[in-house]
């Protein structure tokens, strides 16, 4: 029998036969988990014809994701993930699991995966969205240096309840930073632990996080644009389009069941969520990141006042 351990991430409780190093581990429980993760050596069973997107095949009852030579992830909605190891499997979950696979599982469980980093400040959440390379993770680390706690980095997941602000739950337990940003965090004395490097060469840094079981209400939403290339948000409709444009893996999200519901939820964002766009001047440097982090801290605190 496989040794099963419990984890909390993205508002879901995971029970897994494989160590999920980037999720917060939780105590054993008699309560049924939201997601079961199992490991099998046999080839994956044939499934009905699905829709292909990149490495993924989407079915009415789940999806299959091919993680190069590492593994095949076979998800059966709403709660069963089967991992079939490949030739490059080394006994650890590859980075694909903590990104695309986890995002699709969240989408099947009524969440909206976003390409953004989120922090908690003064009891509520700020979500910073934008394309890769615009400083989302560095800004999140800068806000942690100013007393915030990390909710999630790069992949953040929103849950909507009727008549309530959307909520965010803790995601991966580290931030992915470039060498300069990682050194800045260390020099600033932020409680952090180096956790190795990502496949892209980023430094993985564990930082103070929110309670993984607590949903944090979203009150501030920030879009990062490129100075001279991205027009500022001029009205609410454009802002909501920006939100949809920052779905995590938007091509995949558009093929998963329930996409019309996800669009409808984002189009009816709680009016208490304040929206701001920052124009980023490339290339980024440390001084600019620090200035943006300070600006967003003040924006969020003014939002509360």
Foldseek 3Di string as FASTA:
>chain_A
DQDWFWFFAWQWIEIESADPQQTHTDDDDPDDTQAYEEEDADDDDDDPAADDDVQKGADQQFIWGDPDQAWIWTDGPQYYIYTHGGPPHDRHDAPCCLAVVVQRNVVSVQKFKFQWWWWDDPQAMETEFEDPQQQRLLLQLLLVLVPIAGQEERIWIWHDDPPAAIWTARHTQWGFAAPVSVVVSVVSVFPWDFDQAHPVGTTTIGHGHDDRNDTHGAQEYEYEAAVPPDDFDDDPVVVLVSRLVRGRVNVVLVRHPPSVVVSVDSSCGPPNHDYYYDHGYPPDDPVRSNVVSVVVVVVVVVSVD
